[in-house]
Structure formats: C-alpha cells, structure tokens
Amino acid sequence: MDATLTPTQSRVPVRGIQIAIREWPGSEHGRDFLLVHGLASNACTWDGVGAELSAHGHHAIAIDQRGHGRSDKPEAGYGFDEVTADLDALIKEIGLKDPIVCGQSWGGNVVLEFGARYPQALSGLVMVDGGFIDLASAPGATWEQVSVDLKPPPLIGLPRSTMLERMGRFHPNWSSHQLEMQMGNYETMPDQTIRPWLTLDRHMQILRALWDQKPAELFPRVTAPTLIAAAPAPGEDRQERKLHETGIAMQLIPNARIRWYNDSVHDIHVDQPSQLAGWLLENLNEGFFG
C-alpha cells in the first residue's frame, strides 16, 4: 500500500465507551464513507478499500465495533439497538456528512438495521456479503443447532505463526498485507500466542441477536440507495439459500443494485478491494447515491 494512504488511528468517545477508528483523508469535494466489519473481525480488513477510496479523493473511516479490536469491550450492549446507536453517535461525534455506510457479513446486517432505524443519517448503504443473512429462516433451523454450528473454535493459546500459516493455506492468493489485515482479529500475547479480541460470551450475544433479527422486515424501511455485493456460497444448498436471501433483499429494498463477485469467498473487501471500491465509485460517479 502507498505509504501516503496508510490510515491514521485514534479512539473516539461514543456513548460512554471508546471506539477505535482507522481514517483515510479525502479531498474538499469528496464524500464520507463509514466502513463496518463483520463478526469477530476488525477495522483493518477494510484497509484496501479505504486506501482506494482515499486515492480517489474520498474520506473513509473504518471502525472496530464494540468488543472488537482496539475498541472498548463492555460486558453488554451487543444487540442491534446498541451497535446501531454506536454508529449514529460516532457519525455525529466526528462530523461525517451524509456518509455512505458499508458493512460486511454481520456488519452488513448492522448497517441494514442502521439504515432502517436512522434513515436521515446516511446517503447510501452498501452490504458486502451480508445484510441479507437470515439465520432463523433456513429450513429446519433452530437456535440450539445454530449456536453449536456457528460457535467459534477455541483459539486462545494458539501460536500466532500457526494461525498465520492456516490463513495462508486457506487464502493462497492473499498477500502478506492481506493476511495481516485478517490477523488483526486477534490479540498477540507476549509469548506470541493469540486470543480473539472478541470473547466467546460476547460472540454468542451477537450471534443470538443475528438469529433474532428479521431482515425481510427491515428491507422496506431502507430509503437510502443500496448496493449489495455478494460472493458465491460453497455448496449447492448454501448457494441456493444465498440466492433466495439476496432475491428477497432485491425485491423488498426500494432502490437496490447487486453485483456478484464470483472469484471471491465472503471476504470480498479483503479479496478484491480495488474491484469493490471501483464499483462503489462507479455508482457514486453515476449519481446513484445522490
């Protein structure tokens, strides 16, 4: 990454806690972008997109949501009412003007809820392989099974080098910088082992909130122009499910466009940051976001 596009880092007081942000500068005539990561992820995963937006004159801010990364980690407040209130307060605190709000995976569901609850606070919505996630609507789904299937593996005490090697095998095309962006999900301990920044208890609080959320009830309430970036799901059944979920979103969101990133798997913002940022800029330049 060009050194001039390396973000500055700071912490912002928001509703009694400190939220960590990574910030890329924009020009006087650029737009504001707010970038929101997924479950158990971190702000660094948006580095490629943030740098690309900044290179085109736009101001971008990526955040560590509460409980994640360098942000504070209160015991409670991980439902959608609290995390969306965090976004609203952050936008006001740092003075973002009609931002285009982007979220990936669970972060997509966060920004969907934000767009429905705070329609006057944003000028555009971008859901990156998320926002349409509806755990409870899958055939035969139960919370008991979901809480087992999606429970994170035990990683506390794993050598950092081992985790980095595993990531490299899973993402053989990623650069060392892309791998380090994802390694930001973990705190490195003095003995060079890792532990997730997000604790298991808070992870499960978020997962339960996601289970309880009903995206189809939120879609019609979104007034902001919306982009949906989707990646194919592994397996025929899962892909069929994703096509169903994105189809409902496209049907019910008043003004939406979708693009499939067929060479990506879920982490589109890490896999293909230039392509994703390019699509956002293309729509921005066409006037899609006003």
C-alpha atoms as a PDB file:
ATOM      1  CA  MET A   1       0.000   0.000   0.000  1.00  0.00           C
ATOM      2  CA  ASP A   2       1.209   3.504  -0.789  1.00  0.00           C
ATOM      3  CA  ALA A   3       2.595   4.989   2.435  1.00  0.00           C
ATOM      4  CA  THR A   4       0.628   8.171   1.825  1.00  0.00           C
ATOM      5  CA  LEU A   5      -2.563   6.133   2.072  1.00  0.00           C
ATOM      6  CA  THR A   6      -1.722   4.482   5.383  1.00  0.00           C
ATOM      7  CA  PRO A   7      -4.557   5.343   7.754  1.00  0.00           C
ATOM      8  CA  THR A   8      -4.241   7.284  10.955  1.00  0.00           C
ATOM      9  CA  GLN A   9      -5.538   5.570  14.076  1.00  0.00           C
ATOM     10  CA  SER A  10      -7.393   7.034  17.026  1.00  0.00           C
ATOM     11  CA  ARG A  11     -10.116   6.332  19.570  1.00  0.00           C
ATOM     12  CA  VAL A  12     -13.344   8.291  19.739  1.00  0.00           C
ATOM     13  CA  PRO A  13     -15.634   8.634  22.789  1.00  0.00           C
ATOM     14  CA  VAL A  14     -19.026   7.170  21.890  1.00  0.00           C
ATOM     15  CA  ARG A  15     -21.853   6.592  24.361  1.00  0.00           C
ATOM     16  CA  GLY A  16     -19.572   6.008  27.318  1.00  0.00           C
ATOM     17  CA  ILE A  17     -17.016   3.823  25.542  1.00  0.00           C
ATOM     18  CA  GLN A  18     -14.068   4.394  23.213  1.00  0.00           C
ATOM     19  CA  ILE A  19     -14.408   3.262  19.596  1.00  0.00           C
ATOM     20  CA  ALA A  20     -11.175   2.725  17.643  1.00  0.00           C
ATOM     21  CA  ILE A  21     -11.094   4.069  14.096  1.00  0.00           C
ATOM     22  CA  ARG A  22      -8.780   3.968  11.082  1.00  0.00           C
ATOM     23  CA  GLU A  23      -9.064   7.074   8.915  1.00  0.00           C
ATOM     24  CA  TRP A  24      -8.029   7.921   5.364  1.00  0.00           C
ATOM     25  CA  PRO A  25      -8.179  11.568   4.222  1.00  0.00           C
ATOM     26  CA  GLY A  26     -10.290  12.880   1.384  1.00  0.00           C
ATOM     27  CA  SER A  27     -10.388  15.994  -0.725  1.00  0.00           C
ATOM     28  CA  GLU A  28     -12.580  19.017  -0.087  1.00  0.00           C
ATOM     29  CA  HIS A  29     -15.155  17.760  -2.564  1.00  0.00           C
ATOM     30  CA  GLY A  30     -15.001  14.080  -1.627  1.00  0.00           C
ATOM     31  CA  ARG A  31     -17.678  12.037   0.108  1.00  0.00           C
ATOM     32  CA  ASP A  32     -17.608  10.391   3.530  1.00  0.00           C
ATOM     33  CA  PHE A  33     -17.555   6.592   3.794  1.00  0.00           C
ATOM     34  CA  LEU A  34     -18.054   4.623   7.030  1.00  0.00           C
ATOM     35  CA  LEU A  35     -16.767   1.033   6.863  1.00  0.00           C
ATOM     36  CA  VAL A  36     -18.071  -1.601   9.300  1.00  0.00           C
ATOM     37  CA  HIS A  37     -16.509  -5.054   9.750  1.00  0.00           C
ATOM     38  CA  GLY A  38     -18.142  -8.420  10.399  1.00  0.00           C
ATOM     39  CA  LEU A  39     -18.460 -10.669  13.440  1.00  0.00           C
ATOM     40  CA  ALA A  40     -15.163 -11.347  15.249  1.00  0.00           C
ATOM     41  CA  SER A  41     -13.372  -9.261  12.596  1.00  0.00           C
ATOM     42  CA  ASN A  42     -11.653  -5.857  12.727  1.00  0.00           C
ATOM     43  CA  ALA A  43     -11.271  -2.487  11.024  1.00  0.00           C
ATOM     44  CA  CYS A  44      -8.002  -3.435   9.282  1.00  0.00           C
ATOM     45  CA  THR A  45      -9.891  -5.699   6.886  1.00  0.00           C
ATOM     46  CA  TRP A  46     -11.092  -2.515   5.137  1.00  0.00           C
ATOM     47  CA  ASP A  47      -7.544  -1.196   4.524  1.00  0.00           C
ATOM     48  CA  GLY A  48      -7.541  -1.905   0.794  1.00  0.00           C
ATOM     49  CA  VAL A  49     -10.964  -0.356   0.221  1.00  0.00           C
ATOM     50  CA  GLY A  50     -10.221   2.654   2.436  1.00  0.00           C
ATOM     51  CA  ALA A  51      -6.954   3.364   0.627  1.00  0.00           C
ATOM     52  CA  GLU A  52      -8.645   3.073  -2.772  1.00  0.00           C
ATOM     53  CA  LEU A  53     -11.446   5.454  -1.812  1.00  0.00           C
ATOM     54  CA  SER A  54      -8.928   7.925  -0.406  1.00  0.00           C
ATOM     55  CA  ALA A  55      -6.836   7.737  -3.583  1.00  0.00           C
ATOM     56  CA  HIS A  56      -9.926   8.978  -5.436  1.00  0.00           C
ATOM     57  CA  GLY A  57     -10.446  11.900  -3.063  1.00  0.00           C
ATOM     58  CA  HIS A  58     -12.914  10.433  -0.585  1.00  0.00           C
ATOM     59  CA  HIS A  59     -12.753  10.407   3.215  1.00  0.00           C
ATOM     60  CA  ALA A  60     -13.049   6.908   4.690  1.00  0.00           C
ATOM     61  CA  ILE A  61     -13.294   5.704   8.267  1.00  0.00           C
ATOM     62  CA  ALA A  62     -13.207   2.050   9.313  1.00  0.00           C
ATOM     63  CA  ILE A  63     -14.198   1.188  12.863  1.00  0.00           C
ATOM     64  CA  ASP A  64     -13.654  -1.559  15.380  1.00  0.00           C
ATOM     65  CA  GLN A  65     -17.136  -2.222  16.693  1.00  0.00           C
ATOM     66  CA  ARG A  66     -17.588  -2.517  20.446  1.00  0.00           C
ATOM     67  CA  GLY A  67     -15.984  -5.670  21.802  1.00  0.00           C
ATOM     68  CA  HIS A  68     -13.681  -5.928  18.787  1.00  0.00           C
ATOM     69  CA  GLY A  69     -10.127  -4.906  18.010  1.00  0.00           C
ATOM     70  CA  ARG A  70      -8.829  -1.821  19.793  1.00  0.00           C
ATOM     71  CA  SER A  71     -12.264  -0.601  20.896  1.00  0.00           C
ATOM     72  CA  ASP A  72     -13.567  -0.901  24.447  1.00  0.00           C
ATOM     73  CA  LYS A  73     -15.192  -4.160  25.420  1.00  0.00           C
ATOM     74  CA  PRO A  74     -18.149  -3.618  27.741  1.00  0.00           C
ATOM     75  CA  GLU A  75     -19.917  -6.679  29.129  1.00  0.00           C
ATOM     76  CA  ALA A  76     -23.241  -5.816  27.473  1.00  0.00           C
ATOM     77  CA  GLY A  77     -24.673  -3.876  24.553  1.00  0.00           C
ATOM     78  CA  TYR A  78     -24.154  -6.247  21.626  1.00  0.00           C
ATOM     79  CA  GLY A  79     -27.688  -6.225  20.226  1.00  0.00           C
ATOM     80  CA  PHE A  80     -28.634  -4.255  17.131  1.00  0.00           C
ATOM     81  CA  ASP A  81     -30.188  -1.426  19.130  1.00  0.00           C
ATOM     82  CA  GLU A  82     -26.860  -0.698  20.838  1.00  0.00           C
ATOM     83  CA  VAL A  83     -24.460  -1.218  17.939  1.00  0.00           C
ATOM     84  CA  THR A  84     -26.557   0.939  15.602  1.00  0.00           C
ATOM     85  CA  ALA A  85     -26.760   3.649  18.276  1.00  0.00           C
ATOM     86  CA  ASP A  86     -22.949   3.476  18.402  1.00  0.00           C
ATOM     87  CA  LEU A  87     -22.785   4.217  14.664  1.00  0.00           C
ATOM     88  CA  ASP A  88     -25.206   7.112  14.927  1.00  0.00           C
ATOM     89  CA  ALA A  89     -23.271   8.655  17.816  1.00  0.00           C
ATOM     90  CA  LEU A  90     -19.932   8.138  16.046  1.00  0.00           C
ATOM     91  CA  ILE A  91     -21.171   9.848  12.880  1.00  0.00           C
ATOM     92  CA  LYS A  92     -22.235  12.850  14.941  1.00  0.00           C
ATOM     93  CA  GLU A  93     -19.092  12.893  17.083  1.00  0.00           C
ATOM     94  CA  ILE A  94     -16.676  13.004  14.156  1.00  0.00           C
ATOM     95  CA  GLY A  95     -18.923  15.106  11.939  1.00  0.00           C
ATOM     96  CA  LEU A  96     -19.473  12.834   8.972  1.00  0.00           C
ATOM     97  CA  LYS A  97     -21.792  14.407   6.401  1.00  0.00           C
ATOM     98  CA  ASP A  98     -24.373  12.129   4.775  1.00  0.00           C
ATOM     99  CA  PRO A  99     -21.990   9.167   4.775  1.00  0.00           C
ATOM    100  CA  ILE A 100     -22.198   6.120   2.575  1.00  0.00           C
ATOM    101  CA  VAL A 101     -22.258   3.337   5.159  1.00  0.00           C
ATOM    102  CA  CYS A 102     -20.753  -0.020   4.220  1.00  0.00           C
ATOM    103  CA  GLY A 103     -20.860  -3.253   6.208  1.00  0.00           C
ATOM    104  CA  GLN A 104     -19.538  -6.757   5.606  1.00  0.00           C
ATOM    105  CA  SER A 105     -21.137 -10.034   6.785  1.00  0.00           C
ATOM    106  CA  TRP A 106     -22.700  -9.389  10.228  1.00  0.00           C
ATOM    107  CA  GLY A 107     -21.601  -5.791   9.658  1.00  0.00           C
ATOM    108  CA  GLY A 108     -23.907  -5.823   6.632  1.00  0.00           C
ATOM    109  CA  ASN A 109     -26.780  -6.737   8.924  1.00  0.00           C
ATOM    110  CA  VAL A 110     -25.672  -3.977  11.296  1.00  0.00           C
ATOM    111  CA  VAL A 111     -25.749  -1.328   8.577  1.00  0.00           C
ATOM    112  CA  LEU A 112     -29.060  -2.674   7.260  1.00  0.00           C
ATOM    113  CA  GLU A 113     -30.552  -2.156  10.714  1.00  0.00           C
ATOM    114  CA  PHE A 114     -28.862   1.242  10.899  1.00  0.00           C
ATOM    115  CA  GLY A 115     -30.364   2.286   7.569  1.00  0.00           C
ATOM    116  CA  ALA A 116     -33.825   1.245   8.747  1.00  0.00           C
ATOM    117  CA  ARG A 117     -33.536   2.931  12.157  1.00  0.00           C
ATOM    118  CA  TYR A 118     -31.660   6.105  11.155  1.00  0.00           C
ATOM    119  CA  PRO A 119     -32.695   6.848   7.553  1.00  0.00           C
ATOM    120  CA  GLN A 120     -31.704  10.522   7.776  1.00  0.00           C
ATOM    121  CA  ALA A 121     -28.174   9.705   8.938  1.00  0.00           C
ATOM    122  CA  LEU A 122     -26.826   8.314   5.659  1.00  0.00           C
ATOM    123  CA  SER A 123     -26.953   8.857   1.922  1.00  0.00           C
ATOM    124  CA  GLY A 124     -26.146   5.335   0.807  1.00  0.00           C
ATOM    125  CA  LEU A 125     -25.935   1.768   2.042  1.00  0.00           C
ATOM    126  CA  VAL A 126     -23.535  -0.953   0.935  1.00  0.00           C
ATOM    127  CA  MET A 127     -23.999  -4.528   2.129  1.00  0.00           C
ATOM    128  CA  VAL A 128     -20.982  -6.736   1.412  1.00  0.00           C
ATOM    129  CA  ASP A 129     -21.925 -10.414   1.574  1.00  0.00           C
ATOM    130  CA  GLY A 130     -24.193  -9.602   4.483  1.00  0.00           C
ATOM    131  CA  GLY A 131     -27.285  -7.641   5.375  1.00  0.00           C
ATOM    132  CA  PHE A 132     -29.443 -10.349   3.831  1.00  0.00           C
ATOM    133  CA  ILE A 133     -28.277 -13.016   6.331  1.00  0.00           C
ATOM    134  CA  ASP A 134     -31.378 -14.576   7.925  1.00  0.00           C
ATOM    135  CA  LEU A 135     -30.310 -17.452  10.148  1.00  0.00           C
ATOM    136  CA  ALA A 136     -33.760 -18.240  11.509  1.00  0.00           C
ATOM    137  CA  SER A 137     -35.452 -18.617   8.118  1.00  0.00           C
ATOM    138  CA  ALA A 138     -33.334 -21.540   6.938  1.00  0.00           C
ATOM    139  CA  PRO A 139     -35.379 -24.754   6.638  1.00  0.00           C
ATOM    140  CA  GLY A 140     -35.369 -26.649   9.925  1.00  0.00           C
ATOM    141  CA  ALA A 141     -33.123 -24.111  11.655  1.00  0.00           C
ATOM    142  CA  THR A 142     -33.155 -23.940  15.445  1.00  0.00           C
ATOM    143  CA  TRP A 143     -31.213 -21.664  17.749  1.00  0.00           C
ATOM    144  CA  GLU A 144     -29.829 -24.694  19.575  1.00  0.00           C
ATOM    145  CA  GLN A 145     -28.267 -26.057  16.383  1.00  0.00           C
ATOM    146  CA  VAL A 146     -27.106 -22.674  15.092  1.00  0.00           C
ATOM    147  CA  SER A 147     -25.419 -21.916  18.434  1.00  0.00           C
ATOM    148  CA  VAL A 148     -23.422 -25.127  18.004  1.00  0.00           C
ATOM    149  CA  ASP A 149     -22.703 -24.870  14.277  1.00  0.00           C
ATOM    150  CA  LEU A 150     -21.568 -21.226  14.381  1.00  0.00           C
ATOM    151  CA  LYS A 151     -19.758 -21.284  17.707  1.00  0.00           C
ATOM    152  CA  PRO A 152     -16.165 -20.160  17.069  1.00  0.00           C
ATOM    153  CA  PRO A 153     -13.359 -22.687  17.543  1.00  0.00           C
ATOM    154  CA  PRO A 154     -11.114 -22.425  20.617  1.00  0.00           C
ATOM    155  CA  LEU A 155      -8.104 -20.365  19.531  1.00  0.00           C
ATOM    156  CA  ILE A 156      -6.759 -18.942  22.792  1.00  0.00           C
ATOM    157  CA  GLY A 157      -3.144 -20.005  23.173  1.00  0.00           C
ATOM    158  CA  LEU A 158      -2.614 -20.945  19.533  1.00  0.00           C
ATOM    159  CA  PRO A 159       0.814 -19.799  18.267  1.00  0.00           C
ATOM    160  CA  ARG A 160       0.482 -16.761  16.040  1.00  0.00           C
ATOM    161  CA  SER A 161       2.681 -18.376  13.426  1.00  0.00           C
ATOM    162  CA  THR A 162       0.338 -21.376  13.279  1.00  0.00           C
ATOM    163  CA  MET A 163      -2.714 -19.190  12.710  1.00  0.00           C
ATOM    164  CA  LEU A 164      -0.895 -17.200  10.038  1.00  0.00           C
ATOM    165  CA  GLU A 165       0.092 -20.428   8.282  1.00  0.00           C
ATOM    166  CA  ARG A 166      -3.512 -21.692   8.414  1.00  0.00           C
ATOM    167  CA  MET A 167      -4.794 -18.446   6.911  1.00  0.00           C
ATOM    168  CA  GLY A 168      -2.191 -18.627   4.172  1.00  0.00           C
ATOM    169  CA  ARG A 169      -3.298 -22.146   3.234  1.00  0.00           C
ATOM    170  CA  PHE A 170      -6.961 -21.100   3.172  1.00  0.00           C
ATOM    171  CA  HIS A 171      -6.201 -17.931   1.168  1.00  0.00           C
ATOM    172  CA  PRO A 172      -3.219 -18.870  -1.030  1.00  0.00           C
ATOM    173  CA  ASN A 173      -3.675 -15.798  -3.224  1.00  0.00           C
ATOM    174  CA  TRP A 174      -3.567 -13.280  -0.375  1.00  0.00           C
ATOM    175  CA  SER A 175      -0.538 -11.047   0.079  1.00  0.00           C
ATOM    176  CA  SER A 176       1.243 -10.788   3.402  1.00  0.00           C
ATOM    177  CA  HIS A 177      -0.597  -7.498   3.972  1.00  0.00           C
ATOM    178  CA  GLN A 178      -3.981  -9.110   3.370  1.00  0.00           C
ATOM    179  CA  LEU A 179      -3.117 -11.882   5.819  1.00  0.00           C
ATOM    180  CA  GLU A 180      -2.065  -9.339   8.443  1.00  0.00           C
ATOM    181  CA  MET A 181      -5.319  -7.440   7.944  1.00  0.00           C
ATOM    182  CA  GLN A 182      -7.171 -10.605   8.930  1.00  0.00           C
ATOM    183  CA  MET A 183      -4.742 -11.345  11.769  1.00  0.00           C
ATOM    184  CA  GLY A 184      -5.998  -8.114  13.295  1.00  0.00           C
ATOM    185  CA  ASN A 185      -8.904 -10.230  14.565  1.00  0.00           C
ATOM    186  CA  TYR A 186      -6.590 -11.461  17.310  1.00  0.00           C
ATOM    187  CA  GLU A 187      -4.551 -10.001  20.122  1.00  0.00           C
ATOM    188  CA  THR A 188      -0.953 -11.194  20.093  1.00  0.00           C
ATOM    189  CA  MET A 189       0.213 -12.076  23.583  1.00  0.00           C
ATOM    190  CA  PRO A 190       3.784 -11.623  24.918  1.00  0.00           C
ATOM    191  CA  ASP A 191       4.508 -15.309  24.296  1.00  0.00           C
ATOM    192  CA  GLN A 192       3.453 -14.909  20.637  1.00  0.00           C
ATOM    193  CA  THR A 193       0.220 -16.837  21.057  1.00  0.00           C
ATOM    194  CA  ILE A 194      -3.122 -15.326  20.105  1.00  0.00           C
ATOM    195  CA  ARG A 195      -6.544 -14.803  21.558  1.00  0.00           C
ATOM    196  CA  PRO A 196      -9.579 -13.341  19.787  1.00  0.00           C
ATOM    197  CA  TRP A 197     -10.307  -9.742  20.664  1.00  0.00           C
ATOM    198  CA  LEU A 198     -13.992 -10.709  20.836  1.00  0.00           C
ATOM    199  CA  THR A 199     -14.669 -13.019  23.773  1.00  0.00           C
ATOM    200  CA  LEU A 200     -16.794 -16.130  23.363  1.00  0.00           C
ATOM    201  CA  ASP A 201     -19.596 -14.773  25.552  1.00  0.00           C
ATOM    202  CA  ARG A 202     -19.882 -11.565  23.502  1.00  0.00           C
ATOM    203  CA  HIS A 203     -19.588 -13.512  20.270  1.00  0.00           C
ATOM    204  CA  MET A 204     -22.598 -15.578  21.294  1.00  0.00           C
ATOM    205  CA  GLN A 205     -24.556 -12.456  22.322  1.00  0.00           C
ATOM    206  CA  ILE A 206     -24.069 -11.090  18.817  1.00  0.00           C
ATOM    207  CA  LEU A 207     -24.953 -14.409  17.213  1.00  0.00           C
ATOM    208  CA  ARG A 208     -28.186 -14.545  19.201  1.00  0.00           C
ATOM    209  CA  ALA A 209     -29.091 -11.008  18.091  1.00  0.00           C
ATOM    210  CA  LEU A 210     -28.439 -12.047  14.489  1.00  0.00           C
ATOM    211  CA  TRP A 211     -30.696 -15.069  14.974  1.00  0.00           C
ATOM    212  CA  ASP A 212     -33.481 -12.826  16.278  1.00  0.00           C
ATOM    213  CA  GLN A 213     -33.155 -10.232  13.500  1.00  0.00           C
ATOM    214  CA  LYS A 214     -35.654 -10.387  10.636  1.00  0.00           C
ATOM    215  CA  PRO A 215     -34.038  -8.702   7.611  1.00  0.00           C
ATOM    216  CA  ALA A 216     -37.156  -9.017   5.448  1.00  0.00           C
ATOM    217  CA  GLU A 217     -38.990  -6.715   7.855  1.00  0.00           C
ATOM    218  CA  LEU A 218     -36.182  -4.145   7.590  1.00  0.00           C
ATOM    219  CA  PHE A 219     -35.700  -4.090   3.805  1.00  0.00           C
ATOM    220  CA  PRO A 220     -38.804  -1.989   3.008  1.00  0.00           C
ATOM    221  CA  ARG A 221     -37.770   0.576   5.638  1.00  0.00           C
ATOM    222  CA  VAL A 222     -34.459   1.325   3.917  1.00  0.00           C
ATOM    223  CA  THR A 223     -34.811   4.571   1.989  1.00  0.00           C
ATOM    224  CA  ALA A 224     -31.134   5.019   1.065  1.00  0.00           C
ATOM    225  CA  PRO A 225     -29.896   3.736  -2.311  1.00  0.00           C
ATOM    226  CA  THR A 226     -28.390   0.324  -1.595  1.00  0.00           C
ATOM    227  CA  LEU A 227     -25.659  -1.779  -3.179  1.00  0.00           C
ATOM    228  CA  ILE A 228     -25.362  -5.494  -2.454  1.00  0.00           C
ATOM    229  CA  ALA A 229     -22.019  -7.168  -3.155  1.00  0.00           C
ATOM    230  CA  ALA A 230     -22.336 -10.939  -2.935  1.00  0.00           C
ATOM    231  CA  ALA A 231     -19.930 -13.870  -3.228  1.00  0.00           C
ATOM    232  CA  PRO A 232     -20.928 -17.435  -4.114  1.00  0.00           C
ATOM    233  CA  ALA A 233     -21.523 -19.743  -1.163  1.00  0.00           C
ATOM    234  CA  PRO A 234     -19.732 -23.103  -1.037  1.00  0.00           C
ATOM    235  CA  GLY A 235     -22.051 -25.965  -1.813  1.00  0.00           C
ATOM    236  CA  GLU A 236     -25.205 -26.124  -3.895  1.00  0.00           C
ATOM    237  CA  ASP A 237     -27.608 -25.921  -0.955  1.00  0.00           C
ATOM    238  CA  ARG A 238     -25.888 -22.933   0.601  1.00  0.00           C
ATOM    239  CA  GLN A 239     -25.718 -21.129  -2.731  1.00  0.00           C
ATOM    240  CA  GLU A 240     -29.406 -21.764  -3.322  1.00  0.00           C
ATOM    241  CA  ARG A 241     -30.082 -20.308   0.114  1.00  0.00           C
ATOM    242  CA  LYS A 242     -27.993 -17.235  -0.648  1.00  0.00           C
ATOM    243  CA  LEU A 243     -29.763 -16.688  -3.954  1.00  0.00           C
ATOM    244  CA  HIS A 244     -33.065 -16.832  -2.074  1.00  0.00           C
ATOM    245  CA  GLU A 245     -31.904 -14.331   0.573  1.00  0.00           C
ATOM    246  CA  THR A 246     -30.447 -11.850  -1.914  1.00  0.00           C
ATOM    247  CA  GLY A 247     -33.553 -12.213  -4.067  1.00  0.00           C
ATOM    248  CA  ILE A 248     -35.767 -11.153  -1.176  1.00  0.00           C
ATOM    249  CA  ALA A 249     -33.490  -8.189  -0.497  1.00  0.00           C
ATOM    250  CA  MET A 250     -33.618  -7.071  -4.116  1.00  0.00           C
ATOM    251  CA  GLN A 251     -37.397  -7.439  -4.154  1.00  0.00           C
ATOM    252  CA  LEU A 252     -38.073  -5.506  -0.942  1.00  0.00           C
ATOM    253  CA  ILE A 253     -35.401  -2.785  -0.788  1.00  0.00           C
ATOM    254  CA  PRO A 254     -36.881   0.149  -2.722  1.00  0.00           C
ATOM    255  CA  ASN A 255     -33.702   1.118  -4.602  1.00  0.00           C
ATOM    256  CA  ALA A 256     -31.074  -1.604  -4.797  1.00  0.00           C
ATOM    257  CA  ARG A 257     -28.436  -2.973  -7.139  1.00  0.00           C
ATOM    258  CA  ILE A 258     -26.497  -6.221  -6.821  1.00  0.00           C
ATOM    259  CA  ARG A 259     -23.178  -7.494  -8.136  1.00  0.00           C
ATOM    260  CA  TRP A 260     -21.761 -10.985  -7.721  1.00  0.00           C
ATOM    261  CA  TYR A 261     -18.040 -11.388  -7.089  1.00  0.00           C
ATOM    262  CA  ASN A 262     -17.566 -14.904  -8.406  1.00  0.00           C
ATOM    263  CA  ASP A 263     -13.835 -15.029  -7.703  1.00  0.00           C
ATOM    264  CA  SER A 264     -14.299 -14.250  -4.023  1.00  0.00           C
ATOM    265  CA  VAL A 265     -15.443 -16.120  -0.932  1.00  0.00           C
ATOM    266  CA  HIS A 266     -17.242 -13.940   1.590  1.00  0.00           C
ATOM    267  CA  ASP A 267     -14.364 -11.527   2.396  1.00  0.00           C
ATOM    268  CA  ILE A 268     -14.840  -9.516  -0.787  1.00  0.00           C
ATOM    269  CA  HIS A 269     -13.423  -6.366   0.829  1.00  0.00           C
ATOM    270  CA  VAL A 270     -10.161  -8.221   1.533  1.00  0.00           C
ATOM    271  CA  ASP A 271     -10.120 -10.470  -1.566  1.00  0.00           C
ATOM    272  CA  GLN A 272     -10.927  -7.800  -4.148  1.00  0.00           C
ATOM    273  CA  PRO A 273     -10.663  -4.351  -2.551  1.00  0.00           C
ATOM    274  CA  SER A 274      -9.943  -2.495  -5.803  1.00  0.00           C
ATOM    275  CA  GLN A 275     -12.852  -4.152  -7.586  1.00  0.00           C
ATOM    276  CA  LEU A 276     -15.251  -3.461  -4.717  1.00  0.00           C
ATOM    277  CA  ALA A 277     -14.104   0.141  -4.294  1.00  0.00           C
ATOM    278  CA  GLY A 278     -14.302   0.575  -8.053  1.00  0.00           C
ATOM    279  CA  TRP A 279     -17.944  -0.488  -8.064  1.00  0.00           C
ATOM    280  CA  LEU A 280     -18.741   1.929  -5.240  1.00  0.00           C
ATOM    281  CA  LEU A 281     -17.008   4.744  -7.116  1.00  0.00           C
ATOM    282  CA  GLU A 282     -18.738   3.834 -10.366  1.00  0.00           C
ATOM    283  CA  ASN A 283     -22.152   4.114  -8.706  1.00  0.00           C
ATOM    284  CA  LEU A 284     -21.137   7.273  -6.883  1.00  0.00           C
ATOM    285  CA  ASN A 285     -19.988   8.929 -10.115  1.00  0.00           C
ATOM    286  CA  GLU A 286     -23.257   7.923 -11.810  1.00  0.00           C
ATOM    287  CA  GLY A 287     -25.165   9.785  -9.105  1.00  0.00           C
ATOM    288  CA  PHE A 288     -26.688   6.651  -7.558  1.00  0.00           C
ATOM    289  CA  PHE A 289     -26.032   7.943  -4.029  1.00  0.00           C
ATOM    290  CA  GLY A 290     -27.257  11.449  -4.833  1.00  0.00           C
END
